[in-house]
Amino acid sequence: MTIRAVVWGENIHERTNDVVAGIYPEGMHATIANALKLDPEISVSWATLEQPEHGLPADRLAQTDVLVWWGHKDHGAVAD
């Protein structure tokens, strides 16, 4: 059975800090997702804070088995 995972990230430091952007040019969320993709039993995608509904509309969450949440700076910007 395939595990359906979504890696969520704020994607703030990658857009505002040149050092972080240099280390994670695709974002920390993409780096984590790419590592999970190495397992053929995991189907993984990613979402970020700036996307509509923070990339996590109800139908997407309903199709998700595992949500990896990577947040650091702007938890207050996440709508309940």
PDB file of N, CA and C in Angstrom:
ATOM      1  N   MET A   1       0.832  -1.183   0.000  1.00  0.00           N
ATOM      2  CA  MET A   1       0.000   0.000   0.000  1.00  0.00           C
ATOM      3  C   MET A   1       0.881   1.253   0.000  1.00  0.00           C
ATOM      4  N   THR A   2       0.591   2.165  -0.865  1.00  0.00           N
ATOM      5  CA  THR A   2       1.350   3.415  -0.954  1.00  0.00           C
ATOM      6  C   THR A   2       0.920   4.383   0.144  1.00  0.00           C
ATOM      7  N   ILE A   3       1.886   4.987   0.787  1.00  0.00           N
ATOM      8  CA  ILE A   3       1.633   6.016   1.794  1.00  0.00           C
ATOM      9  C   ILE A   3       1.587   7.360   1.079  1.00  0.00           C
ATOM     10  N   ARG A   4       0.507   8.097   1.280  1.00  0.00           N
ATOM     11  CA  ARG A   4       0.347   9.415   0.655  1.00  0.00           C
ATOM     12  C   ARG A   4       0.764  10.489   1.659  1.00  0.00           C
ATOM     13  N   ALA A   5       1.864  11.162   1.363  1.00  0.00           N
ATOM     14  CA  ALA A   5       2.419  12.159   2.280  1.00  0.00           C
ATOM     15  C   ALA A   5       2.425  13.542   1.635  1.00  0.00           C
ATOM     16  N   VAL A   6       2.206  14.544   2.462  1.00  0.00           N
ATOM     17  CA  VAL A   6       2.347  15.942   2.052  1.00  0.00           C
ATOM     18  C   VAL A   6       3.334  16.585   3.015  1.00  0.00           C
ATOM     19  N   VAL A   7       4.335  17.256   2.475  1.00  0.00           N
ATOM     20  CA  VAL A   7       5.292  18.004   3.290  1.00  0.00           C
ATOM     21  C   VAL A   7       4.902  19.475   3.198  1.00  0.00           C
ATOM     22  N   TRP A   8       4.578  20.064   4.335  1.00  0.00           N
ATOM     23  CA  TRP A   8       4.172  21.464   4.368  1.00  0.00           C
ATOM     24  C   TRP A   8       5.316  22.296   4.928  1.00  0.00           C
ATOM     25  N   GLY A   9       5.539  23.456   4.322  1.00  0.00           N
ATOM     26  CA  GLY A   9       6.581  24.354   4.802  1.00  0.00           C
ATOM     27  C   GLY A   9       6.162  25.804   4.704  1.00  0.00           C
ATOM     28  N   GLU A  10       6.655  26.615   5.614  1.00  0.00           N
ATOM     29  CA  GLU A  10       6.371  28.054   5.560  1.00  0.00           C
ATOM     30  C   GLU A  10       6.966  28.688   4.310  1.00  0.00           C
ATOM     31  N   ASN A  11       8.160  28.260   3.946  1.00  0.00           N
ATOM     32  CA  ASN A  11       8.858  28.806   2.776  1.00  0.00           C
ATOM     33  C   ASN A  11       9.164  30.295   2.941  1.00  0.00           C
ATOM     34  N   ILE A  12       9.427  30.703   4.148  1.00  0.00           N
ATOM     35  CA  ILE A  12       9.732  32.114   4.406  1.00  0.00           C
ATOM     36  C   ILE A  12      11.239  32.361   4.374  1.00  0.00           C
ATOM     37  N   HIS A  13      11.994  31.600   5.157  1.00  0.00           N
ATOM     38  CA  HIS A  13      13.445  31.808   5.206  1.00  0.00           C
ATOM     39  C   HIS A  13      14.077  31.630   3.829  1.00  0.00           C
ATOM     40  N   GLU A  14      13.557  30.685   3.052  1.00  0.00           N
ATOM     41  CA  GLU A  14      14.107  30.426   1.724  1.00  0.00           C
ATOM     42  C   GLU A  14      13.902  31.615   0.784  1.00  0.00           C
ATOM     43  N   ARG A  15      12.862  32.405   1.045  1.00  0.00           N
ATOM     44  CA  ARG A  15      12.561  33.558   0.197  1.00  0.00           C
ATOM     45  C   ARG A  15      13.151  34.859   0.731  1.00  0.00           C
ATOM     46  N   THR A  16      13.535  34.882   2.004  1.00  0.00           N
ATOM     47  CA  THR A  16      13.977  36.147   2.602  1.00  0.00           C
ATOM     48  C   THR A  16      15.429  36.150   3.066  1.00  0.00           C
ATOM     49  N   ASN A  17      16.069  34.992   3.092  1.00  0.00           N
ATOM     50  CA  ASN A  17      17.437  34.888   3.599  1.00  0.00           C
ATOM     51  C   ASN A  17      18.306  34.245   2.523  1.00  0.00           C
ATOM     52  N   ASP A  18      19.267  35.001   2.017  1.00  0.00           N
ATOM     53  CA  ASP A  18      20.116  34.509   0.923  1.00  0.00           C
ATOM     54  C   ASP A  18      20.918  33.264   1.301  1.00  0.00           C
ATOM     55  N   VAL A  19      21.347  33.178   2.546  1.00  0.00           N
ATOM     56  CA  VAL A  19      22.113  32.000   2.975  1.00  0.00           C
ATOM     57  C   VAL A  19      21.227  30.755   2.918  1.00  0.00           C
ATOM     58  N   VAL A  20      20.030  30.862   3.463  1.00  0.00           N
ATOM     59  CA  VAL A  20      19.100  29.724   3.453  1.00  0.00           C
ATOM     60  C   VAL A  20      18.706  29.383   2.019  1.00  0.00           C
ATOM     61  N   ALA A  21      18.453  30.394   1.208  1.00  0.00           N
ATOM     62  CA  ALA A  21      18.095  30.153  -0.199  1.00  0.00           C
ATOM     63  C   ALA A  21      19.218  29.439  -0.938  1.00  0.00           C
ATOM     64  N   GLY A  22      20.458  29.741  -0.590  1.00  0.00           N
ATOM     65  CA  GLY A  22      21.590  29.074  -1.220  1.00  0.00           C
ATOM     66  C   GLY A  22      21.694  27.605  -0.838  1.00  0.00           C
ATOM     67  N   ILE A  23      21.302  27.294   0.390  1.00  0.00           N
ATOM     68  CA  ILE A  23      21.353  25.909   0.866  1.00  0.00           C
ATOM     69  C   ILE A  23      20.142  25.121   0.374  1.00  0.00           C
ATOM     70  N   TYR A  24      18.986  25.756   0.364  1.00  0.00           N
ATOM     71  CA  TYR A  24      17.729  25.110  -0.026  1.00  0.00           C
ATOM     72  C   TYR A  24      17.081  25.884  -1.175  1.00  0.00           C
ATOM     73  N   PRO A  25      17.657  25.836  -2.369  1.00  0.00           N
ATOM     74  CA  PRO A  25      17.126  26.639  -3.476  1.00  0.00           C
ATOM     75  C   PRO A  25      15.686  26.294  -3.860  1.00  0.00           C
ATOM     76  N   GLU A  26      15.261  25.078  -3.609  1.00  0.00           N
ATOM     77  CA  GLU A  26      13.875  24.682  -3.891  1.00  0.00           C
ATOM     78  C   GLU A  26      13.004  24.768  -2.640  1.00  0.00           C
ATOM     79  N   GLY A  27      13.598  25.137  -1.524  1.00  0.00           N
ATOM     80  CA  GLY A  27      12.883  25.215  -0.258  1.00  0.00           C
ATOM     81  C   GLY A  27      13.144  24.000   0.610  1.00  0.00           C
ATOM     82  N   MET A  28      13.049  24.204   1.914  1.00  0.00           N
ATOM     83  CA  MET A  28      13.241  23.089   2.845  1.00  0.00           C
ATOM     84  C   MET A  28      12.186  22.018   2.631  1.00  0.00           C
ATOM     85  N   HIS A  29      10.960  22.446   2.337  1.00  0.00           N
ATOM     86  CA  HIS A  29       9.871  21.489   2.111  1.00  0.00           C
ATOM     87  C   HIS A  29      10.185  20.564   0.937  1.00  0.00           C
ATOM     88  N   ALA A  30      10.760  21.102  -0.125  1.00  0.00           N
ATOM     89  CA  ALA A  30      11.108  20.280  -1.290  1.00  0.00           C
ATOM     90  C   ALA A  30      12.258  19.333  -0.969  1.00  0.00           C
ATOM     91  N   THR A  31      13.214  19.786  -0.157  1.00  0.00           N
ATOM     92  CA  THR A  31      14.328  18.927   0.241  1.00  0.00           C
ATOM     93  C   THR A  31      13.817  17.733   1.047  1.00  0.00           C
ATOM     94  N   ILE A  32      12.918  17.987   1.985  1.00  0.00           N
ATOM     95  CA  ILE A  32      12.332  16.903   2.779  1.00  0.00           C
ATOM     96  C   ILE A  32      11.519  15.977   1.878  1.00  0.00           C
ATOM     97  N   ALA A  33      10.702  16.553   0.993  1.00  0.00           N
ATOM     98  CA  ALA A  33       9.884  15.742   0.077  1.00  0.00           C
ATOM     99  C   ALA A  33      10.756  14.879  -0.826  1.00  0.00           C
ATOM    100  N   ASN A  34      11.832  15.448  -1.343  1.00  0.00           N
ATOM    101  CA  ASN A  34      12.719  14.681  -2.227  1.00  0.00           C
ATOM    102  C   ASN A  34      13.367  13.505  -1.496  1.00  0.00           C
ATOM    103  N   ALA A  35      13.670  13.678  -0.221  1.00  0.00           N
ATOM    104  CA  ALA A  35      14.225  12.565   0.559  1.00  0.00           C
ATOM    105  C   ALA A  35      13.183  11.462   0.722  1.00  0.00           C
ATOM    106  N   LEU A  36      11.944  11.838   0.988  1.00  0.00           N
ATOM    107  CA  LEU A  36      10.885  10.838   1.133  1.00  0.00           C
ATOM    108  C   LEU A  36      10.604  10.112  -0.175  1.00  0.00           C
ATOM    109  N   LYS A  37      10.787  10.810  -1.293  1.00  0.00           N
ATOM    110  CA  LYS A  37      10.545  10.198  -2.607  1.00  0.00           C
ATOM    111  C   LYS A  37      11.496   9.041  -2.903  1.00  0.00           C
ATOM    112  N   LEU A  38      12.581   8.939  -2.163  1.00  0.00           N
ATOM    113  CA  LEU A  38      13.517   7.834  -2.361  1.00  0.00           C
ATOM    114  C   LEU A  38      12.886   6.491  -1.996  1.00  0.00           C
ATOM    115  N   ASP A  39      11.845   6.529  -1.184  1.00  0.00           N
ATOM    116  CA  ASP A  39      11.129   5.308  -0.817  1.00  0.00           C
ATOM    117  C   ASP A  39      10.005   5.089  -1.823  1.00  0.00           C
ATOM    118  N   PRO A  40      10.050   4.000  -2.583  1.00  0.00           N
ATOM    119  CA  PRO A  40       9.031   3.774  -3.608  1.00  0.00           C
ATOM    120  C   PRO A  40       7.626   3.549  -3.046  1.00  0.00           C
ATOM    121  N   GLU A  41       7.519   3.341  -1.746  1.00  0.00           N
ATOM    122  CA  GLU A  41       6.205   3.121  -1.144  1.00  0.00           C
ATOM    123  C   GLU A  41       5.576   4.410  -0.624  1.00  0.00           C
ATOM    124  N   ILE A  42       6.242   5.543  -0.874  1.00  0.00           N
ATOM    125  CA  ILE A  42       5.713   6.836  -0.440  1.00  0.00           C
ATOM    126  C   ILE A  42       5.453   7.702  -1.663  1.00  0.00           C
ATOM    127  N   SER A  43       4.222   8.158  -1.783  1.00  0.00           N
ATOM    128  CA  SER A  43       3.851   9.149  -2.793  1.00  0.00           C
ATOM    129  C   SER A  43       3.820  10.488  -2.068  1.00  0.00           C
ATOM    130  N   VAL A  44       4.668  11.412  -2.479  1.00  0.00           N
ATOM    131  CA  VAL A  44       4.820  12.649  -1.709  1.00  0.00           C
ATOM    132  C   VAL A  44       4.655  13.882  -2.586  1.00  0.00           C
ATOM    133  N   SER A  45       4.047  14.902  -1.989  1.00  0.00           N
ATOM    134  CA  SER A  45       3.931  16.215  -2.615  1.00  0.00           C
ATOM    135  C   SER A  45       4.202  17.239  -1.519  1.00  0.00           C
ATOM    136  N   TRP A  46       4.183  18.508  -1.888  1.00  0.00           N
ATOM    137  CA  TRP A  46       4.438  19.533  -0.885  1.00  0.00           C
ATOM    138  C   TRP A  46       3.452  20.681  -1.028  1.00  0.00           C
ATOM    139  N   ALA A  47       3.363  21.474   0.039  1.00  0.00           N
ATOM    140  CA  ALA A  47       2.493  22.645   0.081  1.00  0.00           C
ATOM    141  C   ALA A  47       3.209  23.715   0.895  1.00  0.00           C
ATOM    142  N   THR A  48       2.841  24.978   0.652  1.00  0.00           N
ATOM    143  CA  THR A  48       3.480  26.071   1.385  1.00  0.00           C
ATOM    144  C   THR A  48       2.454  27.086   1.875  1.00  0.00           C
ATOM    145  N   LEU A  49       2.892  27.882   2.829  1.00  0.00           N
ATOM    146  CA  LEU A  49       2.053  28.880   3.479  1.00  0.00           C
ATOM    147  C   LEU A  49       1.400  29.836   2.492  1.00  0.00           C
ATOM    148  N   GLU A  50       2.127  30.272   1.467  1.00  0.00           N
ATOM    149  CA  GLU A  50       1.605  31.316   0.577  1.00  0.00           C
ATOM    150  C   GLU A  50       0.584  30.816  -0.442  1.00  0.00           C
ATOM    151  N   GLN A  51       0.390  29.513  -0.532  1.00  0.00           N
ATOM    152  CA  GLN A  51      -0.594  28.977  -1.472  1.00  0.00           C
ATOM    153  C   GLN A  51      -2.011  29.216  -0.942  1.00  0.00           C
ATOM    154  N   PRO A  52      -3.006  29.257  -1.836  1.00  0.00           N
ATOM    155  CA  PRO A  52      -4.394  29.363  -1.363  1.00  0.00           C
ATOM    156  C   PRO A  52      -4.700  28.237  -0.365  1.00  0.00           C
ATOM    157  N   GLU A  53      -5.367  28.580   0.714  1.00  0.00           N
ATOM    158  CA  GLU A  53      -5.672  27.640   1.798  1.00  0.00           C
ATOM    159  C   GLU A  53      -4.401  26.992   2.351  1.00  0.00           C
ATOM    160  N   HIS A  54      -3.298  27.714   2.219  1.00  0.00           N
ATOM    161  CA  HIS A  54      -1.978  27.246   2.668  1.00  0.00           C
ATOM    162  C   HIS A  54      -1.597  25.922   2.011  1.00  0.00           C
ATOM    163  N   GLY A  55      -2.166  25.676   0.830  1.00  0.00           N
ATOM    164  CA  GLY A  55      -1.862  24.452   0.089  1.00  0.00           C
ATOM    165  C   GLY A  55      -2.535  23.212   0.644  1.00  0.00           C
ATOM    166  N   LEU A  56      -3.429  23.403   1.618  1.00  0.00           N
ATOM    167  CA  LEU A  56      -4.044  22.260   2.285  1.00  0.00           C
ATOM    168  C   LEU A  56      -5.570  22.343   2.313  1.00  0.00           C
ATOM    169  N   PRO A  57      -6.207  22.389   1.149  1.00  0.00           N
ATOM    170  CA  PRO A  57      -7.670  22.378   1.164  1.00  0.00           C
ATOM    171  C   PRO A  57      -8.187  21.047   1.725  1.00  0.00           C
ATOM    172  N   ALA A  58      -9.414  21.035   2.175  1.00  0.00           N
ATOM    173  CA  ALA A  58      -9.985  19.855   2.836  1.00  0.00           C
ATOM    174  C   ALA A  58      -9.885  18.597   1.984  1.00  0.00           C
ATOM    175  N   ASP A  59     -10.113  18.717   0.675  1.00  0.00           N
ATOM    176  CA  ASP A  59     -10.056  17.519  -0.170  1.00  0.00           C
ATOM    177  C   ASP A  59      -8.638  16.953  -0.248  1.00  0.00           C
ATOM    178  N   ARG A  60      -7.637  17.821  -0.219  1.00  0.00           N
ATOM    179  CA  ARG A  60      -6.255  17.330  -0.241  1.00  0.00           C
ATOM    180  C   ARG A  60      -5.914  16.626   1.071  1.00  0.00           C
ATOM    181  N   LEU A  61      -6.328  17.212   2.173  1.00  0.00           N
ATOM    182  CA  LEU A  61      -6.073  16.577   3.467  1.00  0.00           C
ATOM    183  C   LEU A  61      -6.767  15.221   3.566  1.00  0.00           C
ATOM    184  N   ALA A  62      -7.956  15.119   2.985  1.00  0.00           N
ATOM    185  CA  ALA A  62      -8.688  13.849   3.004  1.00  0.00           C
ATOM    186  C   ALA A  62      -7.951  12.761   2.233  1.00  0.00           C
ATOM    187  N   GLN A  63      -7.104  13.163   1.291  1.00  0.00           N
ATOM    188  CA  GLN A  63      -6.330  12.220   0.480  1.00  0.00           C
ATOM    189  C   GLN A  63      -4.917  12.011   1.027  1.00  0.00           C
ATOM    190  N   THR A  64      -4.656  12.494   2.248  1.00  0.00           N
ATOM    191  CA  THR A  64      -3.317  12.462   2.839  1.00  0.00           C
ATOM    192  C   THR A  64      -3.275  11.505   4.022  1.00  0.00           C
ATOM    193  N   ASP A  65      -2.286  10.615   4.007  1.00  0.00           N
ATOM    194  CA  ASP A  65      -2.079   9.705   5.137  1.00  0.00           C
ATOM    195  C   ASP A  65      -1.144  10.310   6.179  1.00  0.00           C
ATOM    196  N   VAL A  66      -0.113  11.031   5.709  1.00  0.00           N
ATOM    197  CA  VAL A  66       0.894  11.617   6.603  1.00  0.00           C
ATOM    198  C   VAL A  66       1.128  13.065   6.198  1.00  0.00           C
ATOM    199  N   LEU A  67       1.036  13.970   7.162  1.00  0.00           N
ATOM    200  CA  LEU A  67       1.342  15.380   6.936  1.00  0.00           C
ATOM    201  C   LEU A  67       2.591  15.718   7.744  1.00  0.00           C
ATOM    202  N   VAL A  68       3.651  16.120   7.045  1.00  0.00           N
ATOM    203  CA  VAL A  68       4.883  16.559   7.700  1.00  0.00           C
ATOM    204  C   VAL A  68       4.828  18.084   7.732  1.00  0.00           C
ATOM    205  N   TRP A  69       4.859  18.658   8.912  1.00  0.00           N
ATOM    206  CA  TRP A  69       4.698  20.107   9.079  1.00  0.00           C
ATOM    207  C   TRP A  69       6.043  20.712   9.444  1.00  0.00           C
ATOM    208  N   TRP A  70       6.580  21.566   8.556  1.00  0.00           N
ATOM    209  CA  TRP A  70       7.843  22.239   8.834  1.00  0.00           C
ATOM    210  C   TRP A  70       7.568  23.729   8.968  1.00  0.00           C
ATOM    211  N   GLY A  71       7.462  24.194  10.199  1.00  0.00           N
ATOM    212  CA  GLY A  71       7.231  25.598  10.455  1.00  0.00           C
ATOM    213  C   GLY A  71       8.240  26.106  11.471  1.00  0.00           C
ATOM    214  N   HIS A  72       8.514  27.415  11.405  1.00  0.00           N
ATOM    215  CA  HIS A  72       9.499  27.971  12.325  1.00  0.00           C
ATOM    216  C   HIS A  72       9.163  29.410  12.707  1.00  0.00           C
ATOM    217  N   LYS A  73       8.823  30.212  11.717  1.00  0.00           N
ATOM    218  CA  LYS A  73       8.780  31.653  11.932  1.00  0.00           C
ATOM    219  C   LYS A  73       7.378  32.245  12.009  1.00  0.00           C
ATOM    220  N   ASP A  74       6.441  31.708  11.272  1.00  0.00           N
ATOM    221  CA  ASP A  74       5.180  32.425  11.093  1.00  0.00           C
ATOM    222  C   ASP A  74       3.946  31.566  11.354  1.00  0.00           C
ATOM    223  N   HIS A  75       3.951  30.833  12.453  1.00  0.00           N
ATOM    224  CA  HIS A  75       2.791  29.998  12.788  1.00  0.00           C
ATOM    225  C   HIS A  75       1.515  30.832  12.898  1.00  0.00           C
ATOM    226  N   GLY A  76       1.647  32.077  13.318  1.00  0.00           N
ATOM    227  CA  GLY A  76       0.487  32.946  13.471  1.00  0.00           C
ATOM    228  C   GLY A  76      -0.214  33.274  12.164  1.00  0.00           C
ATOM    229  N   ALA A  77       0.457  33.084  11.043  1.00  0.00           N
ATOM    230  CA  ALA A  77      -0.147  33.372   9.735  1.00  0.00           C
ATOM    231  C   ALA A  77      -1.006  32.219   9.227  1.00  0.00           C
ATOM    232  N   VAL A  78      -0.975  31.095   9.920  1.00  0.00           N
ATOM    233  CA  VAL A  78      -1.747  29.926   9.493  1.00  0.00           C
ATOM    234  C   VAL A  78      -3.179  30.073   9.986  1.00  0.00           C
ATOM    235  N   ALA A  79      -4.104  30.067   9.036  1.00  0.00           N
ATOM    236  CA  ALA A  79      -5.522  30.168   9.391  1.00  0.00           C
ATOM    237  C   ALA A  79      -6.006  28.833   9.948  1.00  0.00           C
ATOM    238  N   ASP A  80      -6.837  28.892  10.966  1.00  0.00           N
ATOM    239  CA  ASP A  80      -7.424  27.668  11.510  1.00  0.00           C
ATOM    240  C   ASP A  80      -8.484  27.197  10.561  1.00  0.00           C
TER     241      ASP A  80
END
